[in-house]
Amino acid sequence: MTPIRPQDLTTFLRRYRLPGGRVRAVRVRYPSAQNATVEFRLVVREAITELGKEPRTVQLRLRLTGVDEFRVQMRPGQARVKINDARISHINGLFWLNLDAFGLDPGEQPKPHDFRASETYAAGRELEWEEIAPGERPA
């Protein structure tokens, strides 16, 4: 998997269109008693690179390691699979990811409480990603 550094986050977010995508799986692992890993498998579209050309749909795996906090919760009446809006930020040494982001005012920067208000979020020290080839079974 390819690690994302804080300075590469903007480039990564320009490459893929997370809003409108679908959640395929969420996996929580505890490799040790004090360490958690949260992995999201998503189906998203690449950003438009040429006018008139349909962007490619890809399976994407995002893995947060060294997770300090997370929540995966479902409520009645909420979209269960579709990603309405998503946000990934690096705040105070942690990567924060949520899949049901609330709108922010123009110029407003997301803070941890914006992520904690989400039904599906995680915050960890490292963020990695990879595209899963069609037909490939993820590990």
C-alpha atoms as a PDB file:
ATOM      1  CA  MET A   1       0.000   0.000   0.000  1.00  0.00           C
ATOM      2  CA  THR A   2       1.109   3.551  -0.680  1.00  0.00           C
ATOM      3  CA  PRO A   3       1.428   5.856   2.340  1.00  0.00           C
ATOM      4  CA  ILE A   4      -0.078   9.325   2.148  1.00  0.00           C
ATOM      5  CA  ARG A   5       2.001  12.077   3.695  1.00  0.00           C
ATOM      6  CA  PRO A   6       0.231  15.217   4.933  1.00  0.00           C
ATOM      7  CA  GLN A   7       1.666  17.264   2.063  1.00  0.00           C
ATOM      8  CA  ASP A   8       0.339  14.705  -0.490  1.00  0.00           C
ATOM      9  CA  LEU A   9      -3.234  14.744   0.805  1.00  0.00           C
ATOM     10  CA  THR A  10      -4.473  17.469  -1.560  1.00  0.00           C
ATOM     11  CA  THR A  11      -3.072  15.639  -4.589  1.00  0.00           C
ATOM     12  CA  PHE A  12      -4.734  12.396  -3.485  1.00  0.00           C
ATOM     13  CA  LEU A  13      -8.113  14.114  -2.978  1.00  0.00           C
ATOM     14  CA  ARG A  14      -7.911  15.646  -6.471  1.00  0.00           C
ATOM     15  CA  ARG A  15      -7.264  12.230  -8.007  1.00  0.00           C
ATOM     16  CA  TYR A  16     -10.444  10.510  -6.752  1.00  0.00           C
ATOM     17  CA  ARG A  17     -14.076  11.616  -6.387  1.00  0.00           C
ATOM     18  CA  LEU A  18     -15.186  10.127  -3.055  1.00  0.00           C
ATOM     19  CA  PRO A  19     -18.647  11.805  -2.960  1.00  0.00           C
ATOM     20  CA  GLY A  20     -21.071   9.664  -4.944  1.00  0.00           C
ATOM     21  CA  GLY A  21     -18.997   6.538  -4.329  1.00  0.00           C
ATOM     22  CA  ARG A  22     -20.058   3.436  -2.406  1.00  0.00           C
ATOM     23  CA  VAL A  23     -18.818   1.766   0.759  1.00  0.00           C
ATOM     24  CA  ARG A  24     -18.068  -1.915   0.096  1.00  0.00           C
ATOM     25  CA  ALA A  25     -16.627  -2.873   3.485  1.00  0.00           C
ATOM     26  CA  VAL A  26     -15.275  -1.523   6.748  1.00  0.00           C
ATOM     27  CA  ARG A  27     -12.814  -3.664   8.684  1.00  0.00           C
ATOM     28  CA  VAL A  28     -11.512  -2.996  12.188  1.00  0.00           C
ATOM     29  CA  ARG A  29      -8.467  -4.939  13.353  1.00  0.00           C
ATOM     30  CA  TYR A  30      -6.587  -4.987  16.633  1.00  0.00           C
ATOM     31  CA  PRO A  31      -3.063  -6.230  15.811  1.00  0.00           C
ATOM     32  CA  SER A  32      -2.123  -5.633  19.451  1.00  0.00           C
ATOM     33  CA  ALA A  33      -3.903  -4.701  22.660  1.00  0.00           C
ATOM     34  CA  GLN A  34      -3.077  -1.011  22.231  1.00  0.00           C
ATOM     35  CA  ASN A  35      -3.186  -0.629  18.460  1.00  0.00           C
ATOM     36  CA  ALA A  36      -6.150  -0.526  16.071  1.00  0.00           C
ATOM     37  CA  THR A  37      -6.378  -0.427  12.284  1.00  0.00           C
ATOM     38  CA  VAL A  38      -9.472   0.648  10.349  1.00  0.00           C
ATOM     39  CA  GLU A  39      -9.743  -0.209   6.662  1.00  0.00           C
ATOM     40  CA  PHE A  40     -12.345   1.166   4.253  1.00  0.00           C
ATOM     41  CA  ARG A  41     -13.026  -0.498   0.885  1.00  0.00           C
ATOM     42  CA  LEU A  42     -14.728   1.955  -1.447  1.00  0.00           C
ATOM     43  CA  VAL A  43     -15.880   2.102  -5.061  1.00  0.00           C
ATOM     44  CA  VAL A  44     -15.196   5.618  -6.368  1.00  0.00           C
ATOM     45  CA  ARG A  45     -14.565   7.421  -9.636  1.00  0.00           C
ATOM     46  CA  GLU A  46     -11.350   9.013 -10.739  1.00  0.00           C
ATOM     47  CA  ALA A  47     -11.443  12.747 -11.335  1.00  0.00           C
ATOM     48  CA  ILE A  48     -12.257  13.964 -14.838  1.00  0.00           C
ATOM     49  CA  THR A  49      -9.033  14.395 -16.800  1.00  0.00           C
ATOM     50  CA  GLU A  50     -10.448  14.912 -20.316  1.00  0.00           C
ATOM     51  CA  LEU A  51     -13.702  16.565 -21.318  1.00  0.00           C
ATOM     52  CA  GLY A  52     -16.058  14.123 -22.989  1.00  0.00           C
ATOM     53  CA  LYS A  53     -14.285  11.094 -21.524  1.00  0.00           C
ATOM     54  CA  GLU A  54     -16.074   9.164 -18.779  1.00  0.00           C
ATOM     55  CA  PRO A  55     -13.947   8.842 -15.612  1.00  0.00           C
ATOM     56  CA  ARG A  56     -12.893   5.335 -14.638  1.00  0.00           C
ATOM     57  CA  THR A  57     -14.573   3.588 -11.676  1.00  0.00           C
ATOM     58  CA  VAL A  58     -12.054   2.018  -9.284  1.00  0.00           C
ATOM     59  CA  GLN A  59     -12.058   0.016  -6.067  1.00  0.00           C
ATOM     60  CA  LEU A  60     -10.033   1.845  -3.471  1.00  0.00           C
ATOM     61  CA  ARG A  61      -8.735   0.611  -0.143  1.00  0.00           C
ATOM     62  CA  LEU A  62      -7.926   3.195   2.539  1.00  0.00           C
ATOM     63  CA  ARG A  63      -6.191   1.981   5.699  1.00  0.00           C
ATOM     64  CA  LEU A  64      -5.684   4.027   8.855  1.00  0.00           C
ATOM     65  CA  THR A  65      -3.157   2.587  11.305  1.00  0.00           C
ATOM     66  CA  GLY A  66      -2.391   3.722  14.818  1.00  0.00           C
ATOM     67  CA  VAL A  67      -6.069   4.596  15.219  1.00  0.00           C
ATOM     68  CA  ASP A  68      -6.853   6.678  18.298  1.00  0.00           C
ATOM     69  CA  GLU A  69     -10.620   6.824  17.797  1.00  0.00           C
ATOM     70  CA  PHE A  70     -13.289   5.655  15.376  1.00  0.00           C
ATOM     71  CA  ARG A  71     -17.033   5.203  14.990  1.00  0.00           C
ATOM     72  CA  VAL A  72     -19.031   3.117  12.548  1.00  0.00           C
ATOM     73  CA  GLN A  73     -22.717   3.574  13.235  1.00  0.00           C
ATOM     74  CA  MET A  74     -25.931   3.162  11.226  1.00  0.00           C
ATOM     75  CA  ARG A  75     -29.156   4.986  11.927  1.00  0.00           C
ATOM     76  CA  PRO A  76     -32.589   4.405  10.370  1.00  0.00           C
ATOM     77  CA  GLY A  77     -33.206   6.546   7.321  1.00  0.00           C
ATOM     78  CA  GLN A  78     -29.533   7.178   6.519  1.00  0.00           C
ATOM     79  CA  ALA A  79     -27.854   6.208   3.286  1.00  0.00           C
ATOM     80  CA  ARG A  80     -26.214   2.882   4.089  1.00  0.00           C
ATOM     81  CA  VAL A  81     -23.864   2.479   1.164  1.00  0.00           C
ATOM     82  CA  LYS A  82     -23.645   5.723  -0.817  1.00  0.00           C
ATOM     83  CA  ILE A  83     -21.055   8.314   0.185  1.00  0.00           C
ATOM     84  CA  ASN A  84     -22.877  11.658   0.203  1.00  0.00           C
ATOM     85  CA  ASP A  85     -19.767  13.635   1.077  1.00  0.00           C
ATOM     86  CA  ALA A  86     -16.357  12.701   2.423  1.00  0.00           C
ATOM     87  CA  ARG A  87     -13.545  14.533   4.092  1.00  0.00           C
ATOM     88  CA  ILE A  88      -9.923  13.628   4.835  1.00  0.00           C
ATOM     89  CA  SER A  89      -7.709  16.012   6.816  1.00  0.00           C
ATOM     90  CA  HIS A  90      -4.477  15.982   8.780  1.00  0.00           C
ATOM     91  CA  ILE A  91      -4.949  17.690  12.157  1.00  0.00           C
ATOM     92  CA  ASN A  92      -2.544  17.620  15.124  1.00  0.00           C
ATOM     93  CA  GLY A  93      -0.548  14.659  13.814  1.00  0.00           C
ATOM     94  CA  LEU A  94      -3.595  12.498  12.958  1.00  0.00           C
ATOM     95  CA  PHE A  95      -5.298  11.735   9.667  1.00  0.00           C
ATOM     96  CA  TRP A  96      -9.064  12.195  10.080  1.00  0.00           C
ATOM     97  CA  LEU A  97     -11.437  10.514   7.612  1.00  0.00           C
ATOM     98  CA  ASN A  98     -15.219  10.562   7.481  1.00  0.00           C
ATOM     99  CA  LEU A  99     -17.710   9.389   4.891  1.00  0.00           C
ATOM    100  CA  ASP A 100     -20.740  11.536   5.763  1.00  0.00           C
ATOM    101  CA  ALA A 101     -19.209  14.981   6.155  1.00  0.00           C
ATOM    102  CA  PHE A 102     -21.280  17.997   7.113  1.00  0.00           C
ATOM    103  CA  GLY A 103     -20.984  21.167   5.070  1.00  0.00           C
ATOM    104  CA  LEU A 104     -18.640  23.869   6.295  1.00  0.00           C
ATOM    105  CA  ASP A 105     -18.936  27.606   5.812  1.00  0.00           C
ATOM    106  CA  PRO A 106     -16.771  29.100   3.038  1.00  0.00           C
ATOM    107  CA  GLY A 107     -13.172  29.306   4.215  1.00  0.00           C
ATOM    108  CA  GLU A 108     -13.848  27.240   7.345  1.00  0.00           C
ATOM    109  CA  GLN A 109     -11.288  24.522   8.093  1.00  0.00           C
ATOM    110  CA  PRO A 110     -12.508  21.200   9.554  1.00  0.00           C
ATOM    111  CA  LYS A 111     -11.699  20.515  13.199  1.00  0.00           C
ATOM    112  CA  PRO A 112     -11.841  17.240  15.161  1.00  0.00           C
ATOM    113  CA  HIS A 113     -15.369  18.007  16.421  1.00  0.00           C
ATOM    114  CA  ASP A 114     -16.570  18.143  12.783  1.00  0.00           C
ATOM    115  CA  PHE A 115     -15.355  14.567  12.299  1.00  0.00           C
ATOM    116  CA  ARG A 116     -16.688  13.351  15.658  1.00  0.00           C
ATOM    117  CA  ALA A 117     -20.189  14.500  14.671  1.00  0.00           C
ATOM    118  CA  SER A 118     -20.069  11.961  11.833  1.00  0.00           C
ATOM    119  CA  GLU A 119     -21.619   8.485  11.918  1.00  0.00           C
ATOM    120  CA  THR A 120     -18.601   6.964  10.129  1.00  0.00           C
ATOM    121  CA  TYR A 121     -15.174   8.351  10.968  1.00  0.00           C
ATOM    122  CA  ALA A 122     -11.703   7.301  12.069  1.00  0.00           C
ATOM    123  CA  ALA A 123      -8.547   9.119  13.167  1.00  0.00           C
ATOM    124  CA  GLY A 124      -5.118   7.502  12.950  1.00  0.00           C
ATOM    125  CA  ARG A 125      -1.430   8.294  12.745  1.00  0.00           C
ATOM    126  CA  GLU A 126      -0.844   6.803   9.275  1.00  0.00           C
ATOM    127  CA  LEU A 127      -2.994   6.660   6.133  1.00  0.00           C
ATOM    128  CA  GLU A 128      -2.297   4.294   3.236  1.00  0.00           C
ATOM    129  CA  TRP A 129      -4.161   3.601  -0.002  1.00  0.00           C
ATOM    130  CA  GLU A 130      -4.225   1.269  -2.966  1.00  0.00           C
ATOM    131  CA  GLU A 131      -6.378   0.539  -5.977  1.00  0.00           C
ATOM    132  CA  ILE A 132      -7.754  -2.981  -6.098  1.00  0.00           C
ATOM    133  CA  ALA A 133      -7.646  -4.424  -9.619  1.00  0.00           C
ATOM    134  CA  PRO A 134     -10.947  -5.779 -11.015  1.00  0.00           C
ATOM    135  CA  GLY A 135     -11.391  -9.405 -10.009  1.00  0.00           C
ATOM    136  CA  GLU A 136      -8.638  -9.202  -7.380  1.00  0.00           C
ATOM    137  CA  ARG A 137      -9.645 -10.404  -3.955  1.00  0.00           C
ATOM    138  CA  PRO A 138      -8.407  -7.961  -1.304  1.00  0.00           C
ATOM    139  CA  ALA A 139      -6.198  -9.308   1.474  1.00  0.00           C
END
